[in-house]
PDB file of N, CA and C in Angstrom:
ATOM      1  N   MET A   1      22.248  25.591  21.231  1.00  0.00           N
ATOM      2  CA  MET A   1      21.785  24.222  21.543  1.00  0.00           C
ATOM      3  C   MET A   1      21.428  23.599  20.388  1.00  0.00           C
ATOM      4  N   ARG A   2      21.839  22.360  20.142  1.00  0.00           N
ATOM      5  CA  ARG A   2      21.780  21.731  18.939  1.00  0.00           C
ATOM      6  C   ARG A   2      20.657  20.691  18.818  1.00  0.00           C
ATOM      7  N   PHE A   3      19.868  20.585  19.988  1.00  0.00           N
ATOM      8  CA  PHE A   3      18.876  19.484  20.108  1.00  0.00           C
ATOM      9  C   PHE A   3      17.747  19.859  19.152  1.00  0.00           C
ATOM     10  N   GLY A   4      17.350  20.960  18.921  1.00  0.00           N
ATOM     11  CA  GLY A   4      16.254  21.459  18.068  1.00  0.00           C
ATOM     12  C   GLY A   4      16.413  21.037  16.628  1.00  0.00           C
ATOM     13  N   ARG A   5      17.586  20.910  16.103  1.00  0.00           N
ATOM     14  CA  ARG A   5      17.755  20.529  14.684  1.00  0.00           C
ATOM     15  C   ARG A   5      17.372  19.095  14.380  1.00  0.00           C
ATOM     16  N   LEU A   6      17.376  18.260  15.437  1.00  0.00           N
ATOM     17  CA  LEU A   6      16.893  16.876  15.185  1.00  0.00           C
ATOM     18  C   LEU A   6      15.468  16.760  14.817  1.00  0.00           C
ATOM     19  N   PHE A   7      14.728  17.710  15.333  1.00  0.00           N
ATOM     20  CA  PHE A   7      13.178  17.618  15.175  1.00  0.00           C
ATOM     21  C   PHE A   7      12.670  18.572  14.105  1.00  0.00           C
ATOM     22  N   ARG A   8      13.640  19.224  13.452  1.00  0.00           N
ATOM     23  CA  ARG A   8      13.044  20.279  12.612  1.00  0.00           C
ATOM     24  C   ARG A   8      12.298  19.762  11.381  1.00  0.00           C
ATOM     25  N   ASN A   9      12.649  18.709  10.700  1.00  0.00           N
ATOM     26  CA  ASN A   9      11.897  18.133   9.544  1.00  0.00           C
ATOM     27  C   ASN A   9      11.092  16.852   9.907  1.00  0.00           C
ATOM     28  N   GLN A  10      10.707  16.838  10.972  1.00  0.00           N
ATOM     29  CA  GLN A  10       9.930  15.487  11.372  1.00  0.00           C
ATOM     30  C   GLN A  10       8.664  15.252  10.558  1.00  0.00           C
ATOM     31  N   ASN A  11       8.085  16.185   9.898  1.00  0.00           N
ATOM     32  CA  ASN A  11       6.882  16.040   9.257  1.00  0.00           C
ATOM     33  C   ASN A  11       7.063  15.759   7.628  1.00  0.00           C
ATOM     34  N   ARG A  12       8.371  15.899   7.352  1.00  0.00           N
ATOM     35  CA  ARG A  12       8.738  15.655   5.837  1.00  0.00           C
ATOM     36  C   ARG A  12       9.059  13.974   5.680  1.00  0.00           C
ATOM     37  N   CYS A  13       8.656  13.725   4.457  1.00  0.00           N
ATOM     38  CA  CYS A  13       8.884  12.442   4.002  1.00  0.00           C
ATOM     39  C   CYS A  13      10.400  12.215   3.707  1.00  0.00           C
ATOM     40  N   PRO A  14      10.941  10.927   3.792  1.00  0.00           N
ATOM     41  CA  PRO A  14      12.320  10.794   3.565  1.00  0.00           C
ATOM     42  C   PRO A  14      12.563  10.913   2.154  1.00  0.00           C
ATOM     43  N   GLN A  15      11.531  10.727   1.218  1.00  0.00           N
ATOM     44  CA  GLN A  15      11.657  10.994  -0.215  1.00  0.00           C
ATOM     45  C   GLN A  15      11.754  12.439  -0.578  1.00  0.00           C
ATOM     46  N   ARG A  16      11.547  13.304   0.426  1.00  0.00           N
ATOM     47  CA  ARG A  16      11.595  14.803   0.232  1.00  0.00           C
ATOM     48  C   ARG A  16      10.454  15.266  -0.623  1.00  0.00           C
ATOM     49  N   CYS A  17       9.295  14.792  -0.492  1.00  0.00           N
ATOM     50  CA  CYS A  17       8.209  15.232  -1.332  1.00  0.00           C
ATOM     51  C   CYS A  17       7.681  16.508  -0.511  1.00  0.00           C
ATOM     52  N   PRO A  18       7.049  17.476  -1.298  1.00  0.00           N
ATOM     53  CA  PRO A  18       6.602  18.640  -0.643  1.00  0.00           C
ATOM     54  C   PRO A  18       5.471  18.422   0.301  1.00  0.00           C
ATOM     55  N   GLN A  19       4.575  17.473   0.104  1.00  0.00           N
ATOM     56  CA  GLN A  19       3.473  17.319   0.921  1.00  0.00           C
ATOM     57  C   GLN A  19       3.783  16.337   2.133  1.00  0.00           C
ATOM     58  N   ARG A  20       2.961  16.457   3.123  1.00  0.00           N
ATOM     59  CA  ARG A  20       3.130  15.599   4.457  1.00  0.00           C
ATOM     60  C   ARG A  20       2.457  14.291   4.081  1.00  0.00           C
ATOM     61  N   CYS A  21       3.198  13.323   3.842  1.00  0.00           N
ATOM     62  CA  CYS A  21       2.601  12.048   3.398  1.00  0.00           C
ATOM     63  C   CYS A  21       2.203  10.907   4.455  1.00  0.00           C
ATOM     64  N   GLY A  22       2.547  11.244   5.678  1.00  0.00           N
ATOM     65  CA  GLY A  22       2.222  10.364   6.711  1.00  0.00           C
ATOM     66  C   GLY A  22       3.312   9.566   7.361  1.00  0.00           C
ATOM     67  N   ARG A  23       4.576   9.805   6.774  1.00  0.00           N
ATOM     68  CA  ARG A  23       5.754   9.128   7.295  1.00  0.00           C
ATOM     69  C   ARG A  23       6.323   9.789   8.623  1.00  0.00           C
ATOM     70  N   GLY A  24       5.979  11.034   8.737  1.00  0.00           N
ATOM     71  CA  GLY A  24       6.557  11.762   9.771  1.00  0.00           C
ATOM     72  C   GLY A  24       5.617  11.549  11.031  1.00  0.00           C
ATOM     73  N   PHE A  25       5.823  12.419  12.157  1.00  0.00           N
ATOM     74  CA  PHE A  25       4.969  12.279  13.271  1.00  0.00           C
ATOM     75  C   PHE A  25       3.685  12.886  13.159  1.00  0.00           C
ATOM     76  N   GLY A  26       3.619  14.020  12.357  1.00  0.00           N
ATOM     77  CA  GLY A  26       2.261  14.552  12.278  1.00  0.00           C
ATOM     78  C   GLY A  26       1.637  14.642  10.849  1.00  0.00           C
ATOM     79  N   GLY A  27       2.049  13.648  10.086  1.00  0.00           N
ATOM     80  CA  GLY A  27       1.763  13.701   8.655  1.00  0.00           C
ATOM     81  C   GLY A  27       0.195  13.402   8.358  1.00  0.00           C
ATOM     82  N   GLY A  28      -0.115  13.197   7.100  1.00  0.00           N
ATOM     83  CA  GLY A  28      -1.422  12.960   6.718  1.00  0.00           C
ATOM     84  C   GLY A  28      -1.776  11.442   6.370  1.00  0.00           C
ATOM     85  N   GLN A  29      -2.535  11.178   5.457  1.00  0.00           N
ATOM     86  CA  GLN A  29      -2.971   9.801   5.140  1.00  0.00           C
ATOM     87  C   GLN A  29      -2.047   9.197   4.078  1.00  0.00           C
ATOM     88  N   GLY A  30      -1.833   7.966   4.300  1.00  0.00           N
ATOM     89  CA  GLY A  30      -1.037   7.164   3.324  1.00  0.00           C
ATOM     90  C   GLY A  30       0.382   7.395   3.119  1.00  0.00           C
ATOM     91  N   LEU A  31       1.007   6.645   2.120  1.00  0.00           N
ATOM     92  CA  LEU A  31       2.372   6.710   1.907  1.00  0.00           C
ATOM     93  C   LEU A  31       2.672   7.458   0.658  1.00  0.00           C
ATOM     94  N   CYS A  32       3.779   8.058   0.419  1.00  0.00           N
ATOM     95  CA  CYS A  32       4.125   8.710  -0.943  1.00  0.00           C
ATOM     96  C   CYS A  32       4.108   7.734  -2.006  1.00  0.00           C
ATOM     97  N   GLY A  33       3.219   7.976  -3.055  1.00  0.00           N
ATOM     98  CA  GLY A  33       3.108   7.319  -4.189  1.00  0.00           C
ATOM     99  C   GLY A  33       2.509   5.944  -4.074  1.00  0.00           C
ATOM    100  N   ALA A  34       1.873   5.689  -2.948  1.00  0.00           N
ATOM    101  CA  ALA A  34       1.220   4.397  -2.774  1.00  0.00           C
ATOM    102  C   ALA A  34      -0.362   4.629  -2.860  1.00  0.00           C
ATOM    103  N   TYR A  35      -1.020   3.571  -3.345  1.00  0.00           N
ATOM    104  CA  TYR A  35      -2.411   3.612  -3.568  1.00  0.00           C
ATOM    105  C   TYR A  35      -3.004   2.306  -3.029  1.00  0.00           C
ATOM    106  N   PRO A  36      -4.302   2.219  -2.694  1.00  0.00           N
ATOM    107  CA  PRO A  36      -4.914   1.052  -2.292  1.00  0.00           C
ATOM    108  C   PRO A  36      -4.859   0.051  -3.581  1.00  0.00           C
ATOM    109  N   LEU A  37      -4.861  -1.286  -3.134  1.00  0.00           N
ATOM    110  CA  LEU A  37      -4.810  -2.319  -4.263  1.00  0.00           C
ATOM    111  C   LEU A  37      -6.104  -2.321  -5.138  1.00  0.00           C
ATOM    112  N   ASN A  38      -7.230  -1.939  -4.411  1.00  0.00           N
ATOM    113  CA  ASN A  38      -8.531  -2.042  -5.128  1.00  0.00           C
ATOM    114  C   ASN A  38      -8.673  -0.908  -6.253  1.00  0.00           C
ATOM    115  N   ASP A  39      -7.692   0.013  -6.261  1.00  0.00           N
ATOM    116  CA  ASP A  39      -7.743   1.145  -7.354  1.00  0.00           C
ATOM    117  C   ASP A  39      -7.161   0.692  -8.670  1.00  0.00           C
ATOM    118  N   PHE A  40      -6.484  -0.438  -8.713  1.00  0.00           N
ATOM    119  CA  PHE A  40      -5.886  -0.903  -9.985  1.00  0.00           C
ATOM    120  C   PHE A  40      -6.788  -1.913 -10.772  1.00  0.00           C
ATOM    121  N   ALA A  41      -6.565  -1.660 -12.167  1.00  0.00           N
ATOM    122  CA  ALA A  41      -7.414  -2.447 -13.011  1.00  0.00           C
ATOM    123  C   ALA A  41      -6.727  -3.785 -13.393  1.00  0.00           C
ATOM    124  N   GLN A  42      -7.475  -4.613 -14.152  1.00  0.00           N
ATOM    125  CA  GLN A  42      -7.019  -6.038 -14.457  1.00  0.00           C
ATOM    126  C   GLN A  42      -5.724  -5.831 -15.194  1.00  0.00           C
ATOM    127  N   GLY A  43      -4.784  -6.676 -14.978  1.00  0.00           N
ATOM    128  CA  GLY A  43      -3.584  -6.715 -15.615  1.00  0.00           C
ATOM    129  C   GLY A  43      -2.386  -5.845 -14.981  1.00  0.00           C
ATOM    130  N   ALA A  44      -2.661  -5.124 -13.926  1.00  0.00           N
ATOM    131  CA  ALA A  44      -1.734  -4.176 -13.299  1.00  0.00           C
ATOM    132  C   ALA A  44      -0.733  -5.034 -12.508  1.00  0.00           C
ATOM    133  N   ASN A  45       0.584  -4.735 -12.692  1.00  0.00           N
ATOM    134  CA  ASN A  45       1.631  -5.257 -11.836  1.00  0.00           C
ATOM    135  C   ASN A  45       2.039  -4.317 -10.825  1.00  0.00           C
ATOM    136  N   VAL A  46       1.932  -4.592  -9.623  1.00  0.00           N
ATOM    137  CA  VAL A  46       2.211  -3.696  -8.500  1.00  0.00           C
ATOM    138  C   VAL A  46       3.063  -4.448  -7.524  1.00  0.00           C
ATOM    139  N   VAL A  47       3.718  -3.485  -6.584  1.00  0.00           N
ATOM    140  CA  VAL A  47       4.566  -4.090  -5.442  1.00  0.00           C
ATOM    141  C   VAL A  47       3.858  -3.518  -4.262  1.00  0.00           C
ATOM    142  N   VAL A  48       3.778  -4.402  -3.197  1.00  0.00           N
ATOM    143  CA  VAL A  48       3.187  -4.220  -1.916  1.00  0.00           C
ATOM    144  C   VAL A  48       4.114  -3.176  -1.116  1.00  0.00           C
ATOM    145  N   VAL A  49       3.616  -2.078  -0.617  1.00  0.00           N
ATOM    146  CA  VAL A  49       4.355  -1.129   0.093  1.00  0.00           C
ATOM    147  C   VAL A  49       4.004  -1.398   1.623  1.00  0.00           C
ATOM    148  N   SER A  50       2.825  -1.562   1.984  1.00  0.00           N
ATOM    149  CA  SER A  50       2.459  -1.760   3.303  1.00  0.00           C
ATOM    150  C   SER A  50       1.105  -2.642   3.342  1.00  0.00           C
ATOM    151  N   ASN A  51       0.910  -3.481   4.331  1.00  0.00           N
ATOM    152  CA  ASN A  51      -0.356  -4.362   4.558  1.00  0.00           C
ATOM    153  C   ASN A  51      -0.559  -4.429   5.799  1.00  0.00           C
ATOM    154  N   SER A  52      -1.699  -3.796   6.257  1.00  0.00           N
ATOM    155  CA  SER A  52      -2.286  -3.944   7.742  1.00  0.00           C
ATOM    156  C   SER A  52      -3.334  -4.960   7.864  1.00  0.00           C
ATOM    157  N   ASP A  53      -3.531  -5.816   6.916  1.00  0.00           N
ATOM    158  CA  ASP A  53      -4.498  -6.958   7.010  1.00  0.00           C
ATOM    159  C   ASP A  53      -3.842  -8.252   7.229  1.00  0.00           C
ATOM    160  N   ARG A  54      -3.992  -8.799   8.382  1.00  0.00           N
ATOM    161  CA  ARG A  54      -3.276 -10.086   8.900  1.00  0.00           C
ATOM    162  C   ARG A  54      -3.488 -11.386   7.932  1.00  0.00           C
ATOM    163  N   LYS A  55      -4.897 -11.388   7.553  1.00  0.00           N
ATOM    164  CA  LYS A  55      -5.178 -12.630   6.574  1.00  0.00           C
ATOM    165  C   LYS A  55      -4.420 -12.499   5.332  1.00  0.00           C
ATOM    166  N   THR A  56      -4.343 -11.289   4.642  1.00  0.00           N
ATOM    167  CA  THR A  56      -3.696 -11.310   3.481  1.00  0.00           C
ATOM    168  C   THR A  56      -2.182 -11.433   3.702  1.00  0.00           C
ATOM    169  N   LEU A  57      -1.693 -10.968   4.693  1.00  0.00           N
ATOM    170  CA  LEU A  57      -0.288 -11.180   5.110  1.00  0.00           C
ATOM    171  C   LEU A  57       0.036 -12.603   5.098  1.00  0.00           C
ATOM    172  N   GLU A  58      -0.876 -13.404   5.735  1.00  0.00           N
ATOM    173  CA  GLU A  58      -0.488 -14.806   5.790  1.00  0.00           C
ATOM    174  C   GLU A  58      -0.689 -15.484   4.417  1.00  0.00           C
ATOM    175  N   MET A  59      -1.505 -14.938   3.552  1.00  0.00           N
ATOM    176  CA  MET A  59      -1.447 -15.427   2.128  1.00  0.00           C
ATOM    177  C   MET A  59      -0.278 -15.236   1.331  1.00  0.00           C
ATOM    178  N   GLY A  60       0.644 -14.257   1.749  1.00  0.00           N
ATOM    179  CA  GLY A  60       1.806 -13.891   1.114  1.00  0.00           C
ATOM    180  C   GLY A  60       1.893 -12.534   0.466  1.00  0.00           C
ATOM    181  N   LEU A  61       0.919 -11.835   0.832  1.00  0.00           N
ATOM    182  CA  LEU A  61       0.910 -10.390   0.276  1.00  0.00           C
ATOM    183  C   LEU A  61       1.712  -9.485   1.289  1.00  0.00           C
ATOM    184  N   PHE A  62       2.884  -9.696   1.504  1.00  0.00           N
ATOM    185  CA  PHE A  62       3.738  -9.049   2.405  1.00  0.00           C
ATOM    186  C   PHE A  62       4.500  -7.896   1.763  1.00  0.00           C
ATOM    187  N   THR A  63       5.141  -6.880   2.485  1.00  0.00           N
ATOM    188  CA  THR A  63       5.866  -5.849   1.921  1.00  0.00           C
ATOM    189  C   THR A  63       6.896  -6.407   0.921  1.00  0.00           C
ATOM    190  N   GLY A  64       6.891  -5.718  -0.210  1.00  0.00           N
ATOM    191  CA  GLY A  64       7.906  -6.106  -1.248  1.00  0.00           C
ATOM    192  C   GLY A  64       7.428  -7.183  -2.185  1.00  0.00           C
ATOM    193  N   ALA A  65       6.409  -7.853  -2.000  1.00  0.00           N
ATOM    194  CA  ALA A  65       5.798  -8.789  -2.894  1.00  0.00           C
ATOM    195  C   ALA A  65       5.252  -8.321  -4.179  1.00  0.00           C
ATOM    196  N   LEU A  66       5.562  -8.960  -5.198  1.00  0.00           N
ATOM    197  CA  LEU A  66       5.043  -8.461  -6.552  1.00  0.00           C
ATOM    198  C   LEU A  66       3.684  -9.186  -6.733  1.00  0.00           C
ATOM    199  N   VAL A  67       2.607  -8.297  -7.034  1.00  0.00           N
ATOM    200  CA  VAL A  67       1.267  -8.771  -7.094  1.00  0.00           C
ATOM    201  C   VAL A  67       0.709  -8.357  -8.586  1.00  0.00           C
ATOM    202  N   THR A  68      -0.022  -9.284  -9.184  1.00  0.00           N
ATOM    203  CA  THR A  68      -0.619  -8.976 -10.442  1.00  0.00           C
ATOM    204  C   THR A  68      -2.202  -8.960 -10.219  1.00  0.00           C
ATOM    205  N   VAL A  69      -2.942  -7.938 -10.596  1.00  0.00           N
ATOM    206  CA  VAL A  69      -4.318  -7.958 -10.509  1.00  0.00           C
ATOM    207  C   VAL A  69      -4.880  -8.727 -11.650  1.00  0.00           C
ATOM    208  N   MET A  70      -5.580  -9.880 -11.355  1.00  0.00           N
ATOM    209  CA  MET A  70      -6.155 -10.758 -12.414  1.00  0.00           C
ATOM    210  C   MET A  70      -7.460 -10.324 -12.855  1.00  0.00           C
ATOM    211  N   LYS A  71      -8.296  -9.975 -11.735  1.00  0.00           N
ATOM    212  CA  LYS A  71      -9.793  -9.517 -12.059  1.00  0.00           C
ATOM    213  C   LYS A  71     -10.192  -8.556 -11.090  1.00  0.00           C
ATOM    214  N   ASN A  72     -10.668  -7.454 -11.411  1.00  0.00           N
ATOM    215  CA  ASN A  72     -11.246  -6.349 -10.473  1.00  0.00           C
ATOM    216  C   ASN A  72     -12.322  -5.620 -11.271  1.00  0.00           C
ATOM    217  N   GLN A  73     -13.605  -5.945 -10.994  1.00  0.00           N
ATOM    218  CA  GLN A  73     -14.634  -5.374 -11.749  1.00  0.00           C
ATOM    219  C   GLN A  73     -15.319  -4.388 -10.698  1.00  0.00           C
ATOM    220  N   PRO A  74     -15.744  -3.195 -11.153  1.00  0.00           N
ATOM    221  CA  PRO A  74     -16.127  -2.142 -10.349  1.00  0.00           C
ATOM    222  C   PRO A  74     -17.251  -2.441  -9.213  1.00  0.00           C
ATOM    223  N   HIS A  75     -18.204  -3.265  -9.708  1.00  0.00           N
ATOM    224  CA  HIS A  75     -19.408  -3.485  -8.745  1.00  0.00           C
ATOM    225  C   HIS A  75     -19.217  -4.887  -8.090  1.00  0.00           C
ATOM    226  N   ALA A  76     -18.197  -5.593  -8.263  1.00  0.00           N
ATOM    227  CA  ALA A  76     -18.064  -6.814  -7.603  1.00  0.00           C
ATOM    228  C   ALA A  76     -17.478  -6.672  -6.160  1.00  0.00           C
ATOM    229  N   ALA A  77     -17.833  -7.525  -5.234  1.00  0.00           N
ATOM    230  CA  ALA A  77     -17.421  -7.498  -3.877  1.00  0.00           C
ATOM    231  C   ALA A  77     -15.955  -8.057  -3.665  1.00  0.00           C
ATOM    232  N   ASN A  78     -15.506  -8.778  -4.622  1.00  0.00           N
ATOM    233  CA  ASN A  78     -14.245  -9.364  -4.436  1.00  0.00           C
ATOM    234  C   ASN A  78     -13.283  -9.091  -5.610  1.00  0.00           C
ATOM    235  N   MET A  79     -12.019  -9.289  -5.523  1.00  0.00           N
ATOM    236  CA  MET A  79     -11.104  -9.335  -6.597  1.00  0.00           C
ATOM    237  C   MET A  79     -10.095 -10.457  -6.576  1.00  0.00           C
ATOM    238  N   VAL A  80      -9.571 -10.689  -7.778  1.00  0.00           N
ATOM    239  CA  VAL A  80      -8.568 -11.849  -7.781  1.00  0.00           C
ATOM    240  C   VAL A  80      -7.218 -11.288  -8.119  1.00  0.00           C
ATOM    241  N   VAL A  81      -6.221 -11.711  -7.222  1.00  0.00           N
ATOM    242  CA  VAL A  81      -4.844 -11.182  -7.520  1.00  0.00           C
ATOM    243  C   VAL A  81      -4.042 -12.501  -7.410  1.00  0.00           C
ATOM    244  N   ALA A  82      -2.821 -12.197  -8.058  1.00  0.00           N
ATOM    245  CA  ALA A  82      -1.845 -13.269  -8.177  1.00  0.00           C
ATOM    246  C   ALA A  82      -0.509 -12.875  -7.503  1.00  0.00           C
ATOM    247  N   ALA A  83      -0.009 -13.659  -6.518  1.00  0.00           N
ATOM    248  CA  ALA A  83       1.189 -13.461  -5.909  1.00  0.00           C
ATOM    249  C   ALA A  83       2.092 -14.703  -6.117  1.00  0.00           C
ATOM    250  N   GLY A  84       3.233 -14.546  -7.038  1.00  0.00           N
ATOM    251  CA  GLY A  84       3.889 -15.780  -7.327  1.00  0.00           C
ATOM    252  C   GLY A  84       3.103 -16.664  -8.240  1.00  0.00           C
ATOM    253  N   GLU A  85       3.141 -17.996  -7.835  1.00  0.00           N
ATOM    254  CA  GLU A  85       2.312 -18.994  -8.581  1.00  0.00           C
ATOM    255  C   GLU A  85       0.918 -19.190  -7.977  1.00  0.00           C
ATOM    256  N   SER A  86       0.533 -18.344  -7.060  1.00  0.00           N
ATOM    257  CA  SER A  86      -0.669 -18.655  -6.427  1.00  0.00           C
ATOM    258  C   SER A  86      -1.685 -17.492  -6.671  1.00  0.00           C
ATOM    259  N   ARG A  87      -2.993 -17.813  -6.823  1.00  0.00           N
ATOM    260  CA  ARG A  87      -4.158 -16.913  -7.058  1.00  0.00           C
ATOM    261  C   ARG A  87      -4.996 -16.854  -5.865  1.00  0.00           C
ATOM    262  N   TYR A  88      -5.380 -15.613  -5.527  1.00  0.00           N
ATOM    263  CA  TYR A  88      -6.156 -15.442  -4.213  1.00  0.00           C
ATOM    264  C   TYR A  88      -7.406 -14.535  -4.594  1.00  0.00           C
ATOM    265  N   ILE A  89      -8.551 -14.908  -3.967  1.00  0.00           N
ATOM    266  CA  ILE A  89      -9.739 -13.999  -4.005  1.00  0.00           C
ATOM    267  C   ILE A  89      -9.827 -13.355  -2.813  1.00  0.00           C
ATOM    268  N   ILE A  90      -9.744 -11.982  -2.894  1.00  0.00           N
ATOM    269  CA  ILE A  90      -9.664 -11.193  -1.543  1.00  0.00           C
ATOM    270  C   ILE A  90     -10.904 -10.179  -1.735  1.00  0.00           C
ATOM    271  N   SER A  91     -11.419  -9.795  -0.609  1.00  0.00           N
ATOM    272  CA  SER A  91     -12.508  -8.787  -0.593  1.00  0.00           C
ATOM    273  C   SER A  91     -11.872  -7.442  -0.775  1.00  0.00           C
ATOM    274  N   LYS A  92     -12.827  -6.498  -1.299  1.00  0.00           N
ATOM    275  CA  LYS A  92     -12.355  -5.169  -1.543  1.00  0.00           C
ATOM    276  C   LYS A  92     -12.152  -4.441  -0.210  1.00  0.00           C
ATOM    277  N   GLU A  93     -12.686  -4.896   0.879  1.00  0.00           N
ATOM    278  CA  GLU A  93     -12.427  -4.212   2.109  1.00  0.00           C
ATOM    279  C   GLU A  93     -10.935  -4.581   2.598  1.00  0.00           C
ATOM    280  N   ALA A  94     -10.448  -5.781   2.226  1.00  0.00           N
ATOM    281  CA  ALA A  94      -9.162  -6.202   2.636  1.00  0.00           C
ATOM    282  C   ALA A  94      -8.298  -5.478   1.636  1.00  0.00           C
ATOM    283  N   ALA A  95      -8.627  -5.310   0.403  1.00  0.00           N
ATOM    284  CA  ALA A  95      -7.655  -4.718  -0.570  1.00  0.00           C
ATOM    285  C   ALA A  95      -7.480  -3.286  -0.321  1.00  0.00           C
ATOM    286  N   VAL A  96      -8.420  -2.538   0.410  1.00  0.00           N
ATOM    287  CA  VAL A  96      -8.304  -1.138   0.740  1.00  0.00           C
ATOM    288  C   VAL A  96      -7.090  -1.019   1.809  1.00  0.00           C
ATOM    289  N   LYS A  97      -6.875  -1.997   2.550  1.00  0.00           N
ATOM    290  CA  LYS A  97      -5.782  -2.015   3.509  1.00  0.00           C
ATOM    291  C   LYS A  97      -4.421  -2.255   2.949  1.00  0.00           C
ATOM    292  N   ILE A  98      -4.337  -2.638   1.744  1.00  0.00           N
ATOM    293  CA  ILE A  98      -3.027  -3.064   1.091  1.00  0.00           C
ATOM    294  C   ILE A  98      -2.652  -1.848   0.257  1.00  0.00           C
ATOM    295  N   GLN A  99      -1.493  -1.186   0.683  1.00  0.00           N
ATOM    296  CA  GLN A  99      -0.991  -0.022  -0.109  1.00  0.00           C
ATOM    297  C   GLN A  99       0.158  -0.559  -1.044  1.00  0.00           C
ATOM    298  N   VAL A 100      -0.098  -0.229  -2.291  1.00  0.00           N
ATOM    299  CA  VAL A 100       0.975  -0.752  -3.330  1.00  0.00           C
ATOM    300  C   VAL A 100       1.438   0.480  -4.223  1.00  0.00           C
ATOM    301  N   ARG A 101       2.487   0.172  -4.995  1.00  0.00           N
ATOM    302  CA  ARG A 101       3.031   1.147  -5.974  1.00  0.00           C
ATOM    303  C   ARG A 101       2.982   0.418  -7.288  1.00  0.00           C
TER     304      ARG A 101
END
């Protein structure tokens, strides 16, 4: 019976990484090689991989958008990012929901 082979590698990432990254049915946390936006320092250029925050999606921080971190201080409640010609002040709570590479 060939039905079983369809579900054999359901917990593996399409990028074939050895860990279970969350892209399968029973995976872990996050995406392969993606980190929260608030982890990056000033001057970092990153690409949005996923964004689960509706407000920042409406700002233009959608999947595939190139984002530059303009200001990110460790003890500040907000950070400044640039998407295209626009600059946005977003909270660190919202930045945690944005996965980037």
